[in-house]
N, C-alpha and C. Protein backbone atom coordinates (compact mmCIF):
# COMPACT_ATOMS: atom_id res chain seq x y z
N UNK A 1 0.64 -4.80 -50.12
CA UNK A 1 1.05 -3.18 -50.27
C UNK A 1 2.40 -3.92 -50.91
N UNK A 2 3.14 -3.58 -52.04
CA UNK A 2 3.99 -3.93 -53.16
C UNK A 2 5.39 -3.87 -52.03
N UNK A 3 6.11 -5.30 -52.39
CA UNK A 3 7.22 -5.34 -51.67
C UNK A 3 9.05 -4.54 -51.62
N UNK A 4 8.62 -3.98 -52.92
CA UNK A 4 9.45 -3.23 -53.55
C UNK A 4 9.40 -1.24 -52.94
N UNK A 5 8.33 -1.18 -52.42
CA UNK A 5 7.78 0.09 -51.92
C UNK A 5 8.51 -0.15 -50.64
N UNK A 6 8.30 -1.08 -49.77
CA UNK A 6 8.46 -0.66 -48.17
C UNK A 6 9.83 -0.35 -48.43
N UNK A 7 11.17 -0.46 -48.67
CA UNK A 7 12.45 0.05 -48.60
C UNK A 7 12.27 1.34 -48.66
N UNK A 8 11.76 2.15 -50.25
CA UNK A 8 11.53 3.43 -50.67
C UNK A 8 11.19 3.99 -49.46
N UNK A 9 9.82 4.05 -48.59
CA UNK A 9 9.01 4.11 -48.16
C UNK A 9 9.99 4.62 -46.81
N UNK A 10 10.77 3.62 -46.19
CA UNK A 10 11.51 3.47 -45.07
C UNK A 10 12.37 4.23 -44.90
N UNK A 11 12.95 4.38 -46.58
CA UNK A 11 14.42 5.79 -46.81
C UNK A 11 13.54 6.88 -46.30
N UNK A 12 12.80 7.21 -47.23
CA UNK A 12 11.58 8.56 -47.12
C UNK A 12 11.48 8.96 -45.64
N UNK A 13 11.03 7.99 -44.71
CA UNK A 13 10.55 8.38 -43.66
C UNK A 13 11.90 8.61 -42.36
N UNK A 14 13.43 7.87 -43.38
CA UNK A 14 14.60 8.52 -42.42
C UNK A 14 15.21 9.32 -42.86
N UNK A 15 14.62 10.51 -43.65
CA UNK A 15 15.01 11.72 -44.24
C UNK A 15 14.01 12.76 -43.64
N UNK A 16 12.60 12.25 -42.92
CA UNK A 16 11.72 13.26 -42.27
C UNK A 16 12.53 14.02 -41.19
N UNK A 17 12.14 15.10 -40.99
CA UNK A 17 12.73 15.71 -39.36
C UNK A 17 12.95 15.47 -38.31
N UNK A 18 11.61 14.20 -37.86
CA UNK A 18 11.21 13.61 -37.03
C UNK A 18 12.65 12.81 -36.64
N UNK A 19 13.02 11.87 -37.92
CA UNK A 19 14.27 10.78 -37.67
C UNK A 19 15.35 11.41 -37.50
N UNK A 20 15.50 13.13 -38.11
CA UNK A 20 16.57 13.13 -37.57
C UNK A 20 17.38 14.52 -35.94
N UNK A 21 16.15 13.95 -36.03
CA UNK A 21 16.04 14.99 -34.55
C UNK A 21 17.13 14.29 -33.93
N UNK A 22 17.88 15.17 -33.19
CA UNK A 22 19.06 14.90 -32.12
C UNK A 22 18.98 14.48 -30.99
N UNK A 23 19.35 13.45 -30.67
CA UNK A 23 19.36 12.88 -29.50
C UNK A 23 20.14 13.87 -28.20
N UNK A 24 19.75 14.00 -26.91
CA UNK A 24 21.22 14.56 -25.82
C UNK A 24 20.93 13.94 -24.93
N UNK A 25 22.30 13.41 -24.19
CA UNK A 25 22.31 13.09 -23.06
C UNK A 25 21.70 13.85 -22.14
N UNK A 26 21.47 13.67 -20.80
CA UNK A 26 21.14 14.03 -19.97
C UNK A 26 22.43 14.57 -19.19
N UNK A 27 23.15 14.46 -19.45
CA UNK A 27 24.39 15.68 -19.16
C UNK A 27 24.90 16.82 -19.93
N UNK A 28 23.82 16.91 -20.91
CA UNK A 28 23.94 17.91 -21.73
C UNK A 28 25.22 17.86 -22.79
N UNK A 29 26.24 18.55 -23.20
CA UNK A 29 27.34 18.14 -24.16
C UNK A 29 28.55 17.71 -23.98
N UNK A 30 28.18 18.13 -22.42
CA UNK A 30 29.59 17.80 -21.51
C UNK A 30 30.08 16.28 -21.69
N UNK A 31 31.23 15.70 -22.13
CA UNK A 31 31.93 14.57 -22.33
C UNK A 31 31.74 13.86 -20.95
N UNK A 32 31.76 12.28 -20.83
CA UNK A 32 31.56 11.77 -19.63
C UNK A 32 33.64 12.26 -19.34
N UNK A 33 33.15 12.14 -17.98
CA UNK A 33 34.67 12.49 -17.08
C UNK A 33 35.02 11.36 -15.83
N UNK A 34 35.60 11.65 -15.24
CA UNK A 34 35.82 10.44 -14.02
C UNK A 34 34.87 11.17 -12.86
N UNK A 35 33.92 12.07 -12.79
CA UNK A 35 33.25 12.53 -12.05
C UNK A 35 31.54 11.68 -12.06
N UNK A 36 31.72 11.28 -13.14
CA UNK A 36 30.09 10.97 -13.94
C UNK A 36 30.31 9.61 -14.04
N UNK A 37 31.26 8.91 -13.83
CA UNK A 37 31.25 7.19 -13.89
C UNK A 37 31.28 6.94 -12.54
N UNK A 38 30.36 5.82 -12.66
CA UNK A 38 30.17 4.93 -11.03
C UNK A 38 31.95 4.32 -10.56
N UNK A 39 32.24 4.22 -9.56
CA UNK A 39 33.34 3.68 -9.26
C UNK A 39 33.51 2.40 -9.82
N UNK A 40 35.22 2.07 -9.65
CA UNK A 40 35.11 1.36 -10.46
C UNK A 40 34.81 -0.27 -9.72
N UNK A 41 35.07 -0.17 -8.79
CA UNK A 41 34.73 -1.67 -7.62
C UNK A 41 33.86 -0.68 -6.50
N UNK A 42 32.19 -0.95 -7.01
CA UNK A 42 31.52 -0.73 -5.96
C UNK A 42 31.54 -1.19 -4.50
N UNK A 43 31.37 -0.32 -3.31
CA UNK A 43 31.38 -0.82 -2.00
C UNK A 43 29.95 -0.95 -1.65
N UNK A 44 29.34 -2.44 -1.23
CA UNK A 44 27.79 -2.62 -0.75
C UNK A 44 28.37 -2.42 0.10
N UNK A 45 27.20 -2.62 1.11
CA UNK A 45 27.47 -2.48 2.81
C UNK A 45 26.78 -4.11 2.79
N UNK A 46 27.56 -4.05 4.48
CA UNK A 46 27.37 -5.51 4.55
C UNK A 46 25.80 -6.49 4.87
N UNK A 47 26.10 -7.99 4.05
CA UNK A 47 25.06 -8.71 4.35
C UNK A 47 24.24 -8.36 5.62
N UNK A 48 23.04 -8.48 5.74
CA UNK A 48 22.21 -8.39 7.07
C UNK A 48 21.93 -6.94 7.54
N UNK A 49 22.37 -6.33 7.00
CA UNK A 49 21.91 -4.67 7.12
C UNK A 49 21.20 -4.29 6.39
N UNK A 50 20.01 -4.26 6.87
CA UNK A 50 18.54 -3.28 6.75
C UNK A 50 18.89 -1.94 6.02
N UNK A 51 18.77 -1.94 4.72
CA UNK A 51 18.67 -0.17 4.30
C UNK A 51 17.76 0.15 4.08
N UNK A 52 17.42 1.79 4.31
CA UNK A 52 16.44 2.50 4.96
C UNK A 52 15.42 2.79 3.48
N UNK A 53 14.40 2.90 3.76
CA UNK A 53 13.63 3.18 2.64
C UNK A 53 12.97 4.52 2.22
N UNK A 54 12.85 4.73 1.40
CA UNK A 54 12.62 6.59 1.26
C UNK A 54 10.77 6.59 1.00
N UNK A 55 10.33 5.70 0.94
CA UNK A 55 8.37 5.79 0.43
C UNK A 55 8.12 4.33 1.04
N UNK A 56 6.55 4.67 1.14
CA UNK A 56 5.87 3.84 1.49
C UNK A 56 5.70 2.53 0.87
N UNK A 57 5.60 1.63 0.99
CA UNK A 57 5.71 0.38 -0.02
C UNK A 57 6.82 0.28 -1.00
N UNK A 58 7.60 1.18 -0.82
CA UNK A 58 8.86 0.84 -1.27
C UNK A 58 9.21 -0.51 -1.13
N UNK A 59 9.60 -1.68 -2.24
CA UNK A 59 10.34 -2.60 -1.72
C UNK A 59 11.97 -2.86 -1.36
N UNK A 60 11.94 -3.56 -0.71
CA UNK A 60 13.00 -3.81 0.34
C UNK A 60 14.38 -3.33 -0.82
N UNK A 61 15.76 -2.69 -0.48
CA UNK A 61 16.78 -3.06 -1.24
C UNK A 61 17.92 -3.92 -1.29
N UNK A 62 18.31 -4.39 -1.82
CA UNK A 62 19.30 -5.29 -2.08
C UNK A 62 20.92 -4.80 -1.32
N UNK A 63 20.98 -5.18 -0.29
CA UNK A 63 22.43 -4.64 0.34
C UNK A 63 23.91 -5.26 -0.29
N UNK A 64 23.67 -6.74 -1.05
CA UNK A 64 25.23 -7.03 -1.53
C UNK A 64 24.73 -7.12 -3.38
N UNK A 65 25.79 -7.51 -4.19
CA UNK A 65 25.81 -7.58 -5.58
C UNK A 65 25.17 -8.87 -5.93
N UNK A 66 24.45 -8.47 -7.42
CA UNK A 66 23.85 -9.79 -7.68
C UNK A 66 24.13 -10.28 -9.30
N UNK A 67 25.70 -9.30 -9.41
CA UNK A 67 26.19 -9.92 -10.34
C UNK A 67 26.20 -11.60 -10.88
N UNK A 68 25.82 -11.84 -12.23
CA UNK A 68 25.74 -13.37 -12.17
C UNK A 68 24.59 -14.22 -11.76
N UNK A 69 23.55 -13.53 -11.06
CA UNK A 69 22.92 -13.82 -10.36
C UNK A 69 21.87 -14.76 -11.48
N UNK A 70 21.24 -16.06 -11.56
CA UNK A 70 20.56 -16.53 -12.93
C UNK A 70 19.55 -16.39 -12.22
N UNK A 71 18.41 -15.73 -12.57
CA UNK A 71 16.62 -15.98 -12.23
C UNK A 71 15.89 -15.63 -13.50
N UNK A 72 15.29 -17.20 -13.80
CA UNK A 72 14.86 -16.98 -15.16
C UNK A 72 13.61 -18.30 -14.70
N UNK A 73 12.76 -18.78 -16.12
CA UNK A 73 11.80 -19.65 -15.62
C UNK A 73 12.43 -20.97 -14.96
N UNK A 74 13.44 -21.52 -15.01
CA UNK A 74 14.06 -22.81 -14.64
C UNK A 74 14.68 -22.51 -13.40
N UNK A 75 15.21 -21.25 -12.84
CA UNK A 75 15.73 -21.25 -11.53
C UNK A 75 15.94 -19.31 -11.07
N UNK A 76 15.85 -19.31 -9.57
CA UNK A 76 16.14 -18.37 -9.10
C UNK A 76 17.07 -18.38 -8.17
N UNK A 77 18.21 -17.75 -8.13
CA UNK A 77 19.52 -17.49 -7.79
C UNK A 77 18.89 -17.02 -5.71
N UNK A 78 17.91 -16.15 -6.08
CA UNK A 78 17.42 -15.78 -4.97
C UNK A 78 17.05 -16.54 -3.79
N UNK A 79 16.40 -17.39 -4.76
CA UNK A 79 15.15 -18.71 -3.83
C UNK A 79 16.45 -19.48 -3.04
N UNK A 80 17.70 -19.24 -2.91
CA UNK A 80 19.04 -20.61 -2.33
C UNK A 80 19.12 -20.17 -1.39
N UNK A 81 19.03 -18.63 -0.74
CA UNK A 81 19.17 -17.97 0.56
C UNK A 81 18.13 -17.50 1.04
N UNK A 82 17.00 -16.78 0.27
CA UNK A 82 15.77 -15.90 1.07
C UNK A 82 14.54 -17.00 0.66
N UNK A 83 14.66 -17.75 0.59
CA UNK A 83 13.22 -18.81 0.39
C UNK A 83 13.16 -19.31 1.56
N UNK A 84 11.96 -19.84 1.88
CA UNK A 84 11.17 -20.23 3.40
C UNK A 84 12.12 -21.56 3.89
N UNK A 85 12.31 -22.11 3.35
CA UNK A 85 12.98 -23.74 3.36
C UNK A 85 14.87 -22.83 3.66
N UNK A 86 15.51 -22.15 3.38
CA UNK A 86 16.77 -21.71 3.60
C UNK A 86 17.50 -20.40 4.28
N UNK A 87 16.03 -19.47 4.44
CA UNK A 87 16.61 -18.10 4.94
C UNK A 87 17.29 -18.11 6.31
N UNK A 88 17.27 -19.22 7.12
CA UNK A 88 17.63 -19.55 8.82
C UNK A 88 19.04 -19.47 8.41
N UNK A 89 19.05 -20.78 7.39
CA UNK A 89 20.48 -21.46 7.12
C UNK A 89 21.84 -20.31 6.87
N UNK A 90 21.14 -19.44 6.10
CA UNK A 90 21.96 -18.39 5.05
C UNK A 90 21.87 -17.26 5.99
N UNK A 91 21.08 -16.76 7.06
CA UNK A 91 20.99 -15.83 7.80
C UNK A 91 20.84 -14.29 7.18
N UNK A 92 19.34 -14.94 6.07
CA UNK A 92 19.29 -13.79 5.09
C UNK A 92 17.57 -13.70 5.60
N UNK A 93 17.02 -12.81 5.11
CA UNK A 93 15.71 -12.52 5.12
C UNK A 93 14.60 -12.91 4.30
N UNK A 94 14.03 -13.30 5.18
CA UNK A 94 12.59 -14.59 3.85
C UNK A 94 11.92 -13.76 3.12
N UNK A 95 11.60 -14.69 2.44
CA UNK A 95 10.44 -13.93 1.29
C UNK A 95 9.29 -13.82 1.79
N UNK A 96 8.77 -12.06 1.61
CA UNK A 96 7.73 -11.83 2.33
C UNK A 96 6.34 -12.69 1.86
N UNK A 97 5.40 -13.17 2.80
CA UNK A 97 4.16 -13.53 2.30
C UNK A 97 3.27 -13.23 1.43
N UNK A 98 3.41 -11.83 1.08
CA UNK A 98 2.91 -11.18 0.29
C UNK A 98 3.16 -12.08 -1.51
N UNK A 99 4.53 -12.31 -1.24
CA UNK A 99 5.05 -12.69 -2.34
C UNK A 99 4.41 -14.71 -2.57
N UNK A 100 3.35 -14.90 -1.54
CA UNK A 100 2.85 -16.11 -2.37
C UNK A 100 1.50 -15.81 -2.14
N UNK A 101 0.99 -15.18 -3.01
CA UNK A 101 -0.86 -14.24 -2.85
C UNK A 101 -0.53 -14.48 -4.84
N UNK A 102 -1.83 -14.83 -5.45
CA UNK A 102 -1.83 -14.33 -6.59
C UNK A 102 -2.43 -12.84 -6.78
N UNK A 103 -2.81 -12.80 -8.13
CA UNK A 103 -3.30 -11.03 -8.32
C UNK A 103 -5.40 -10.94 -7.18
N UNK A 104 -5.64 -12.20 -7.03
CA UNK A 104 -6.78 -12.45 -6.47
C UNK A 104 -6.61 -12.28 -4.99
N UNK A 105 -5.31 -12.14 -4.59
CA UNK A 105 -5.22 -12.45 -2.83
C UNK A 105 -5.35 -14.06 -2.68
N UNK A 106 -5.42 -14.90 -3.27
CA UNK A 106 -5.57 -16.31 -2.53
C UNK A 106 -4.26 -16.99 -2.34
N UNK A 107 -4.11 -17.23 -1.55
CA UNK A 107 -2.68 -17.88 -1.22
C UNK A 107 -2.40 -19.09 -1.85
N UNK A 108 -1.16 -19.47 -2.15
CA UNK A 108 -0.71 -20.29 -3.28
C UNK A 108 0.50 -21.37 -2.25
N UNK A 109 0.94 -21.95 -2.82
CA UNK A 109 1.94 -22.89 -1.93
C UNK A 109 3.48 -22.50 -2.33
N UNK A 110 3.40 -21.98 -3.54
CA UNK A 110 4.83 -21.71 -3.90
C UNK A 110 4.75 -19.92 -4.42
N UNK A 111 6.05 -19.10 -4.84
CA UNK A 111 5.95 -17.83 -4.76
C UNK A 111 4.95 -17.46 -6.45
N UNK A 112 4.53 -16.38 -6.27
CA UNK A 112 3.55 -16.08 -7.32
C UNK A 112 4.02 -15.88 -8.48
N UNK A 113 3.78 -16.28 -9.56
CA UNK A 113 4.24 -15.93 -11.05
C UNK A 113 4.50 -14.44 -11.13
N UNK A 114 3.85 -13.51 -10.63
CA UNK A 114 4.37 -11.83 -11.12
C UNK A 114 5.38 -11.46 -9.89
N UNK A 115 5.79 -12.86 -9.09
CA UNK A 115 6.73 -12.24 -7.79
C UNK A 115 8.10 -12.63 -8.03
N UNK A 116 8.24 -13.87 -9.07
CA UNK A 116 9.01 -14.90 -8.94
C UNK A 116 10.29 -14.05 -9.46
N UNK A 117 10.20 -13.26 -10.86
CA UNK A 117 11.20 -12.30 -11.45
C UNK A 117 11.92 -11.08 -10.38
N UNK A 118 12.68 -11.31 -9.30
CA UNK A 118 12.99 -10.48 -7.61
C UNK A 118 13.21 -9.22 -8.44
N UNK A 119 14.35 -9.03 -9.44
CA UNK A 119 14.98 -7.69 -10.02
C UNK A 119 13.90 -6.92 -10.43
N UNK A 120 12.83 -7.05 -10.67
CA UNK A 120 11.82 -5.98 -10.88
C UNK A 120 11.38 -5.24 -10.29
N UNK A 121 11.68 -5.23 -9.22
CA UNK A 121 11.15 -4.50 -8.07
C UNK A 121 12.29 -4.21 -7.16
N UNK A 122 13.13 -5.08 -6.39
CA UNK A 122 13.89 -5.38 -5.65
C UNK A 122 16.02 -5.14 -6.87
N UNK A 123 16.25 -3.74 -6.12
CA UNK A 123 17.80 -3.56 -6.88
C UNK A 123 18.74 -3.62 -5.63
N UNK A 124 20.05 -3.72 -6.52
CA UNK A 124 21.36 -3.47 -5.59
C UNK A 124 21.27 -2.53 -5.24
N UNK A 125 22.19 -1.87 -3.98
CA UNK A 125 22.69 -0.64 -3.83
C UNK A 125 23.77 -0.33 -3.38
N UNK A 126 24.72 0.57 -3.77
CA UNK A 126 26.13 0.36 -3.53
C UNK A 126 26.38 2.38 -3.90
N UNK A 127 27.96 2.59 -3.38
CA UNK A 127 28.36 3.76 -2.86
C UNK A 127 28.27 4.45 -4.34
N UNK A 128 27.56 4.36 -5.23
CA UNK A 128 28.08 4.77 -6.55
C UNK A 128 27.43 6.46 -6.67
N UNK A 129 28.23 7.29 -7.15
CA UNK A 129 27.55 8.39 -7.26
C UNK A 129 26.68 8.94 -8.39
N UNK A 130 25.10 9.31 -8.04
CA UNK A 130 24.46 9.61 -9.53
C UNK A 130 25.08 9.95 -10.37
N UNK A 131 24.41 9.29 -11.64
CA UNK A 131 24.30 10.48 -12.86
C UNK A 131 24.07 11.87 -12.98
N UNK A 132 22.96 11.80 -12.55
CA UNK A 132 22.01 12.92 -12.61
C UNK A 132 21.94 13.47 -11.13
N UNK A 133 21.36 14.43 -11.33
CA UNK A 133 21.01 14.80 -10.32
C UNK A 133 19.64 15.08 -9.93
N UNK A 134 19.38 14.68 -8.11
CA UNK A 134 17.78 14.09 -7.69
C UNK A 134 18.13 15.19 -6.40
N UNK A 135 16.70 15.25 -6.62
CA UNK A 135 16.37 16.70 -4.94
C UNK A 135 15.40 15.94 -4.42
N UNK A 136 15.01 14.32 -4.79
CA UNK A 136 13.84 13.38 -4.18
C UNK A 136 14.24 13.53 -2.27
N UNK A 137 13.47 14.07 -1.77
CA UNK A 137 13.50 14.00 -0.55
C UNK A 137 12.60 12.87 0.11
N UNK A 138 12.93 11.51 1.05
CA UNK A 138 11.57 10.51 1.91
C UNK A 138 11.07 11.34 2.17
N UNK A 139 9.73 10.49 2.64
CA UNK A 139 8.58 11.29 3.35
C UNK A 139 9.22 11.40 4.69
N UNK A 140 8.82 12.15 5.25
CA UNK A 140 8.64 12.83 6.85
C UNK A 140 8.62 11.86 7.60
N UNK A 141 8.13 10.73 7.53
CA UNK A 141 7.93 9.67 8.39
C UNK A 141 8.68 8.86 8.44
N UNK A 142 9.40 8.62 7.52
CA UNK A 142 10.65 7.53 6.83
C UNK A 142 11.88 8.25 7.12
N UNK A 143 12.40 9.33 7.34
CA UNK A 143 13.49 10.13 7.14
C UNK A 143 14.05 9.05 8.90
N UNK A 144 15.61 9.04 8.12
CA UNK A 144 16.22 8.81 9.68
C UNK A 144 16.63 9.52 10.60
N UNK A 145 16.41 9.75 12.08
CA UNK A 145 17.15 10.94 12.74
C UNK A 145 17.55 10.46 13.89
């Protein structure tokens, strides 16, 4: 294709009705206000406090903030407390044995590459107000009594 035609075609596509569709916020036309913003300083639970789960097989929630945690190919900050060689000293929950199995179920000597990036599944919880209405209810067997 002629290199001169590409910008022309791209420009024409931007003028199409699909490209001009209006993007809408989940809060509708209302501007953000104090009620819809998360707290300036979120409050986290005390470390060591197990957070309740809402569905079977839900990954455990993180009761502390993880701002600035380095998790990349060279280093994983979570392992400095939750690794099997450090959890007792840190008073933290140790990583589940399931994280030491590959996709075929074979046991590994180290954390499986598919489980290395903790915040793919585990998320911190704070007292932040939900940004959108949520009517989710936990399964009956997991409800706190």
